[in-house]
């Protein structure tokens, strides 16, 4: 499964880990994705959303009452 935010498209970024002895190795910075039930076009869908989108209010969470209605 792709590690991409369904809202903003944020994905992995490559970088370097540098030790105290200055040994350099490649690493990946992964986005903090959360699986969330969100309202999309009036229907509840499960999305993988980064925490930045959740905190900024770009996602409207779907409650359990929405599913029953």
PDB file of N, CA and C in Angstrom:
ATOM      1  N   UNK A   1       0.845  -1.177   0.000  1.00  0.00           N
ATOM      2  CA  UNK A   1       0.000   0.000   0.000  1.00  0.00           C
ATOM      3  C   UNK A   1       0.892   1.243   0.000  1.00  0.00           C
ATOM      4  N   UNK A   2       0.522   2.205  -0.826  1.00  0.00           N
ATOM      5  CA  UNK A   2       1.329   3.413  -0.952  1.00  0.00           C
ATOM      6  C   UNK A   2       1.264   4.244   0.326  1.00  0.00           C
ATOM      7  N   UNK A   3       2.395   4.821   0.714  1.00  0.00           N
ATOM      8  CA  UNK A   3       2.444   5.650   1.918  1.00  0.00           C
ATOM      9  C   UNK A   3       2.235   7.096   1.516  1.00  0.00           C
ATOM     10  N   UNK A   4       1.010   7.408   1.092  1.00  0.00           N
ATOM     11  CA  UNK A   4       0.646   8.749   0.648  1.00  0.00           C
ATOM     12  C   UNK A   4      -0.624   9.195   1.346  1.00  0.00           C
ATOM     13  N   UNK A   5      -0.666  10.471   1.685  1.00  0.00           N
ATOM     14  CA  UNK A   5      -1.871  11.051   2.261  1.00  0.00           C
ATOM     15  C   UNK A   5      -2.907  11.197   1.155  1.00  0.00           C
ATOM     16  N   UNK A   6      -4.145  10.768   1.429  1.00  0.00           N
ATOM     17  CA  UNK A   6      -5.210  10.863   0.431  1.00  0.00           C
ATOM     18  C   UNK A   6      -5.683  12.297   0.227  1.00  0.00           C
ATOM     19  N   UNK A   7      -5.364  13.211   1.136  1.00  0.00           N
ATOM     20  CA  UNK A   7      -5.814  14.595   1.026  1.00  0.00           C
ATOM     21  C   UNK A   7      -4.763  15.470   0.347  1.00  0.00           C
ATOM     22  N   UNK A   8      -3.568  15.529   0.913  1.00  0.00           N
ATOM     23  CA  UNK A   8      -2.550  16.452   0.402  1.00  0.00           C
ATOM     24  C   UNK A   8      -1.508  15.783  -0.482  1.00  0.00           C
ATOM     25  N   UNK A   9      -1.440  14.448  -0.474  1.00  0.00           N
ATOM     26  CA  UNK A   9      -0.473  13.755  -1.319  1.00  0.00           C
ATOM     27  C   UNK A   9       0.918  13.647  -0.725  1.00  0.00           C
ATOM     28  N   UNK A  10       1.066  14.007   0.555  1.00  0.00           N
ATOM     29  CA  UNK A  10       2.379  13.913   1.200  1.00  0.00           C
ATOM     30  C   UNK A  10       2.844  12.460   1.211  1.00  0.00           C
ATOM     31  N   UNK A  11       4.116  12.238   0.856  1.00  0.00           N
ATOM     32  CA  UNK A  11       4.667  10.894   0.803  1.00  0.00           C
ATOM     33  C   UNK A  11       6.033  10.834   1.451  1.00  0.00           C
ATOM     34  N   UNK A  12       6.721   9.707   1.299  1.00  0.00           N
ATOM     35  CA  UNK A  12       8.045   9.554   1.892  1.00  0.00           C
ATOM     36  C   UNK A  12       9.061  10.505   1.253  1.00  0.00           C
ATOM     37  N   UNK A  13      10.032  10.926   2.068  1.00  0.00           N
ATOM     38  CA  UNK A  13      11.111  11.789   1.606  1.00  0.00           C
ATOM     39  C   UNK A  13      12.420  11.115   1.996  1.00  0.00           C
ATOM     40  N   UNK A  14      13.421  11.146   1.109  1.00  0.00           N
ATOM     41  CA  UNK A  14      14.695  10.514   1.434  1.00  0.00           C
ATOM     42  C   UNK A  14      15.627  11.523   2.072  1.00  0.00           C
ATOM     43  N   UNK A  15      16.501  11.013   2.932  1.00  0.00           N
ATOM     44  CA  UNK A  15      17.466  11.862   3.615  1.00  0.00           C
ATOM     45  C   UNK A  15      18.647  11.024   4.064  1.00  0.00           C
ATOM     46  N   UNK A  16      19.435  11.554   4.974  1.00  0.00           N
ATOM     47  CA  UNK A  16      20.629  10.876   5.451  1.00  0.00           C
ATOM     48  C   UNK A  16      20.615  10.806   6.977  1.00  0.00           C
ATOM     49  N   UNK A  17      21.121   9.706   7.521  1.00  0.00           N
ATOM     50  CA  UNK A  17      21.382   9.583   8.945  1.00  0.00           C
ATOM     51  C   UNK A  17      22.883   9.746   9.123  1.00  0.00           C
ATOM     52  N   UNK A  18      23.291  10.663   9.991  1.00  0.00           N
ATOM     53  CA  UNK A  18      24.708  10.900  10.229  1.00  0.00           C
ATOM     54  C   UNK A  18      25.004  10.606  11.690  1.00  0.00           C
ATOM     55  N   UNK A  19      25.895   9.637  11.933  1.00  0.00           N
ATOM     56  CA  UNK A  19      26.236   9.257  13.292  1.00  0.00           C
ATOM     57  C   UNK A  19      27.261  10.226  13.870  1.00  0.00           C
ATOM     58  N   UNK A  20      27.560  10.031  15.133  1.00  0.00           N
ATOM     59  CA  UNK A  20      28.551  10.879  15.787  1.00  0.00           C
ATOM     60  C   UNK A  20      29.936  10.710  15.152  1.00  0.00           C
ATOM     61  N   UNK A  21      30.205   9.500  14.628  1.00  0.00           N
ATOM     62  CA  UNK A  21      31.469   9.236  13.945  1.00  0.00           C
ATOM     63  C   UNK A  21      31.412   9.650  12.474  1.00  0.00           C
ATOM     64  N   UNK A  22      30.323  10.317  12.103  1.00  0.00           N
ATOM     65  CA  UNK A  22      30.082  10.823  10.751  1.00  0.00           C
ATOM     66  C   UNK A  22      29.962   9.698   9.720  1.00  0.00           C
ATOM     67  N   UNK A  23      29.447   8.535  10.162  1.00  0.00           N
ATOM     68  CA  UNK A  23      29.057   7.487   9.215  1.00  0.00           C
ATOM     69  C   UNK A  23      27.726   7.904   8.625  1.00  0.00           C
ATOM     70  N   UNK A  24      27.624   7.897   7.300  1.00  0.00           N
ATOM     71  CA  UNK A  24      26.433   8.391   6.624  1.00  0.00           C
ATOM     72  C   UNK A  24      25.713   7.220   5.968  1.00  0.00           C
ATOM     73  N   UNK A  25      24.412   7.127   6.189  1.00  0.00           N
ATOM     74  CA  UNK A  25      23.605   6.107   5.528  1.00  0.00           C
ATOM     75  C   UNK A  25      22.277   6.721   5.129  1.00  0.00           C
ATOM     76  N   UNK A  26      21.671   6.131   4.110  1.00  0.00           N
ATOM     77  CA  UNK A  26      20.407   6.650   3.592  1.00  0.00           C
ATOM     78  C   UNK A  26      19.258   6.228   4.502  1.00  0.00           C
ATOM     79  N   UNK A  27      18.226   7.045   4.558  1.00  0.00           N
ATOM     80  CA  UNK A  27      17.021   6.698   5.310  1.00  0.00           C
ATOM     81  C   UNK A  27      15.822   7.345   4.655  1.00  0.00           C
ATOM     82  N   UNK A  28      14.634   6.923   5.089  1.00  0.00           N
ATOM     83  CA  UNK A  28      13.388   7.491   4.573  1.00  0.00           C
ATOM     84  C   UNK A  28      12.618   8.120   5.718  1.00  0.00           C
ATOM     85  N   UNK A  29      12.101   9.305   5.487  1.00  0.00           N
ATOM     86  CA  UNK A  29      11.210   9.958   6.439  1.00  0.00           C
ATOM     87  C   UNK A  29       9.790   9.646   5.982  1.00  0.00           C
ATOM     88  N   UNK A  30       9.079   8.845   6.772  1.00  0.00           N
ATOM     89  CA  UNK A  30       7.721   8.427   6.411  1.00  0.00           C
ATOM     90  C   UNK A  30       6.706   9.414   6.979  1.00  0.00           C
ATOM     91  N   UNK A  31       5.639   9.718   6.229  1.00  0.00           N
ATOM     92  CA  UNK A  31       4.591  10.568   6.795  1.00  0.00           C
ATOM     93  C   UNK A  31       3.805   9.818   7.866  1.00  0.00           C
ATOM     94  N   UNK A  32       3.289  10.552   8.840  1.00  0.00           N
ATOM     95  CA  UNK A  32       2.516   9.951   9.922  1.00  0.00           C
ATOM     96  C   UNK A  32       1.072   9.803   9.448  1.00  0.00           C
ATOM     97  N   UNK A  33       0.762   8.655   8.864  1.00  0.00           N
ATOM     98  CA  UNK A  33      -0.566   8.416   8.298  1.00  0.00           C
ATOM     99  C   UNK A  33      -1.461   7.713   9.311  1.00  0.00           C
ATOM    100  N   UNK A  34      -2.698   8.164   9.362  1.00  0.00           N
ATOM    101  CA  UNK A  34      -3.704   7.553  10.226  1.00  0.00           C
ATOM    102  C   UNK A  34      -4.876   7.128   9.356  1.00  0.00           C
ATOM    103  N   UNK A  35      -5.453   5.984   9.665  1.00  0.00           N
ATOM    104  CA  UNK A  35      -6.631   5.504   8.952  1.00  0.00           C
ATOM    105  C   UNK A  35      -7.862   6.102   9.627  1.00  0.00           C
ATOM    106  N   UNK A  36      -8.660   6.856   8.862  1.00  0.00           N
ATOM    107  CA  UNK A  36      -9.748   7.644   9.433  1.00  0.00           C
ATOM    108  C   UNK A  36     -11.016   7.463   8.601  1.00  0.00           C
ATOM    109  N   UNK A  37     -12.157   7.348   9.289  1.00  0.00           N
ATOM    110  CA  UNK A  37     -13.441   7.388   8.584  1.00  0.00           C
ATOM    111  C   UNK A  37     -13.802   8.852   8.405  1.00  0.00           C
ATOM    112  N   UNK A  38     -13.880   9.296   7.147  1.00  0.00           N
ATOM    113  CA  UNK A  38     -14.123  10.705   6.864  1.00  0.00           C
ATOM    114  C   UNK A  38     -15.290  10.845   5.894  1.00  0.00           C
ATOM    115  N   UNK A  39     -15.920  12.013   5.932  1.00  0.00           N
ATOM    116  CA  UNK A  39     -17.009  12.301   5.007  1.00  0.00           C
ATOM    117  C   UNK A  39     -16.436  12.789   3.685  1.00  0.00           C
ATOM    118  N   UNK A  40     -16.783  12.076   2.611  1.00  0.00           N
ATOM    119  CA  UNK A  40     -16.375  12.463   1.261  1.00  0.00           C
ATOM    120  C   UNK A  40     -17.629  12.479   0.399  1.00  0.00           C
ATOM    121  N   UNK A  41     -18.013  13.664  -0.074  1.00  0.00           N
ATOM    122  CA  UNK A  41     -19.240  13.838  -0.871  1.00  0.00           C
ATOM    123  C   UNK A  41     -20.471  13.306  -0.143  1.00  0.00           C
ATOM    124  N   UNK A  42     -20.533  13.523   1.149  1.00  0.00           N
ATOM    125  CA  UNK A  42     -21.689  13.124   1.943  1.00  0.00           C
ATOM    126  C   UNK A  42     -21.688  11.672   2.392  1.00  0.00           C
ATOM    127  N   UNK A  43     -20.723  10.876   1.942  1.00  0.00           N
ATOM    128  CA  UNK A  43     -20.663   9.470   2.331  1.00  0.00           C
ATOM    129  C   UNK A  43     -19.406   9.232   3.166  1.00  0.00           C
ATOM    130  N   UNK A  44     -19.499   8.274   4.092  1.00  0.00           N
ATOM    131  CA  UNK A  44     -18.350   7.957   4.943  1.00  0.00           C
ATOM    132  C   UNK A  44     -17.420   7.007   4.190  1.00  0.00           C
ATOM    133  N   UNK A  45     -16.141   7.374   4.107  1.00  0.00           N
ATOM    134  CA  UNK A  45     -15.132   6.532   3.475  1.00  0.00           C
ATOM    135  C   UNK A  45     -13.929   6.429   4.387  1.00  0.00           C
ATOM    136  N   UNK A  46     -13.198   5.325   4.268  1.00  0.00           N
ATOM    137  CA  UNK A  46     -11.978   5.160   5.040  1.00  0.00           C
ATOM    138  C   UNK A  46     -10.817   5.706   4.221  1.00  0.00           C
ATOM    139  N   UNK A  47     -10.103   6.671   4.820  1.00  0.00           N
ATOM    140  CA  UNK A  47      -8.985   7.320   4.146  1.00  0.00           C
ATOM    141  C   UNK A  47      -7.722   7.172   4.979  1.00  0.00           C
ATOM    142  N   UNK A  48      -6.577   7.235   4.316  1.00  0.00           N
ATOM    143  CA  UNK A  48      -5.292   7.312   5.015  1.00  0.00           C
ATOM    144  C   UNK A  48      -4.846   8.761   4.922  1.00  0.00           C
ATOM    145  N   UNK A  49      -4.838   9.428   6.075  1.00  0.00           N
ATOM    146  CA  UNK A  49      -4.634  10.868   6.116  1.00  0.00           C
ATOM    147  C   UNK A  49      -3.463  11.183   7.039  1.00  0.00           C
ATOM    148  N   UNK A  50      -2.622  12.152   6.639  1.00  0.00           N
ATOM    149  CA  UNK A  50      -1.509  12.551   7.500  1.00  0.00           C
ATOM    150  C   UNK A  50      -2.052  13.386   8.667  1.00  0.00           C
ATOM    151  N   UNK A  51      -1.304  13.409   9.746  1.00  0.00           N
ATOM    152  CA  UNK A  51      -1.767  14.101  10.946  1.00  0.00           C
ATOM    153  C   UNK A  51      -1.824  15.610  10.739  1.00  0.00           C
ATOM    154  N   UNK A  52      -1.041  16.157   9.813  1.00  0.00           N
ATOM    155  CA  UNK A  52      -1.111  17.588   9.532  1.00  0.00           C
ATOM    156  C   UNK A  52      -2.491  17.958   8.964  1.00  0.00           C
ATOM    157  N   UNK A  53      -3.029  17.119   8.083  1.00  0.00           N
ATOM    158  CA  UNK A  53      -4.366  17.374   7.519  1.00  0.00           C
ATOM    159  C   UNK A  53      -5.443  17.213   8.587  1.00  0.00           C
ATOM    160  N   UNK A  54      -5.271  16.250   9.493  1.00  0.00           N
ATOM    161  CA  UNK A  54      -6.243  16.065  10.571  1.00  0.00           C
ATOM    162  C   UNK A  54      -6.263  17.275  11.496  1.00  0.00           C
ATOM    163  N   UNK A  55      -5.080  17.761  11.879  1.00  0.00           N
ATOM    164  CA  UNK A  55      -4.999  18.877  12.815  1.00  0.00           C
ATOM    165  C   UNK A  55      -5.489  20.176  12.204  1.00  0.00           C
ATOM    166  N   UNK A  56      -5.260  20.372  10.909  1.00  0.00           N
ATOM    167  CA  UNK A  56      -5.627  21.633  10.270  1.00  0.00           C
ATOM    168  C   UNK A  56      -7.107  21.686   9.910  1.00  0.00           C
ATOM    169  N   UNK A  57      -7.826  20.575  10.061  1.00  0.00           N
ATOM    170  CA  UNK A  57      -9.258  20.589   9.796  1.00  0.00           C
ATOM    171  C   UNK A  57      -9.621  20.364   8.336  1.00  0.00           C
ATOM    172  N   UNK A  58      -8.719  19.833   7.548  1.00  0.00           N
ATOM    173  CA  UNK A  58      -9.014  19.545   6.147  1.00  0.00           C
ATOM    174  C   UNK A  58      -9.930  18.345   5.988  1.00  0.00           C
ATOM    175  N   UNK A  59     -10.038  17.539   7.065  1.00  0.00           N
ATOM    176  CA  UNK A  59     -10.825  16.314   7.022  1.00  0.00           C
ATOM    177  C   UNK A  59     -11.995  16.445   7.972  1.00  0.00           C
ATOM    178  N   UNK A  60     -13.184  16.099   7.502  1.00  0.00           N
ATOM    179  CA  UNK A  60     -14.370  16.054   8.360  1.00  0.00           C
ATOM    180  C   UNK A  60     -14.581  14.613   8.769  1.00  0.00           C
ATOM    181  N   UNK A  61     -14.373  14.324  10.049  1.00  0.00           N
ATOM    182  CA  UNK A  61     -14.525  12.947  10.526  1.00  0.00           C
ATOM    183  C   UNK A  61     -15.987  12.528  10.484  1.00  0.00           C
ATOM    184  N   UNK A  62     -16.217  11.259  10.139  1.00  0.00           N
ATOM    185  CA  UNK A  62     -17.558  10.700  10.134  1.00  0.00           C
ATOM    186  C   UNK A  62     -17.804  10.004  11.467  1.00  0.00           C
ATOM    187  N   UNK A  63     -18.925  10.305  12.090  1.00  0.00           N
ATOM    188  CA  UNK A  63     -19.246   9.671  13.363  1.00  0.00           C
ATOM    189  C   UNK A  63     -19.983   8.371  13.104  1.00  0.00           C
ATOM    190  N   UNK A  64     -20.118   7.573  14.140  1.00  0.00           N
ATOM    191  CA  UNK A  64     -20.852   6.310  14.008  1.00  0.00           C
ATOM    192  C   UNK A  64     -22.322   6.550  13.671  1.00  0.00           C
ATOM    193  N   UNK A  65     -22.882   7.675  14.137  1.00  0.00           N
ATOM    194  CA  UNK A  65     -24.288   7.975  13.861  1.00  0.00           C
ATOM    195  C   UNK A  65     -24.510   8.238  12.376  1.00  0.00           C
ATOM    196  N   UNK A  66     -23.488   8.733  11.696  1.00  0.00           N
ATOM    197  CA  UNK A  66     -23.597   8.987  10.257  1.00  0.00           C
ATOM    198  C   UNK A  66     -23.776   7.711   9.490  1.00  0.00           C
ATOM    199  N   UNK A  67     -23.101   6.631   9.938  1.00  0.00           N
ATOM    200  CA  UNK A  67     -23.178   5.362   9.234  1.00  0.00           C
ATOM    201  C   UNK A  67     -24.573   4.756   9.365  1.00  0.00           C
ATOM    202  N   UNK A  68     -25.222   4.921  10.527  1.00  0.00           N
ATOM    203  CA  UNK A  68     -26.532   4.333  10.759  1.00  0.00           C
ATOM    204  C   UNK A  68     -27.635   5.082  10.004  1.00  0.00           C
ATOM    205  N   UNK A  69     -27.435   6.365   9.761  1.00  0.00           N
ATOM    206  CA  UNK A  69     -28.466   7.171   9.104  1.00  0.00           C
ATOM    207  C   UNK A  69     -28.536   6.932   7.622  1.00  0.00           C
TER     208      UNK A  69
END
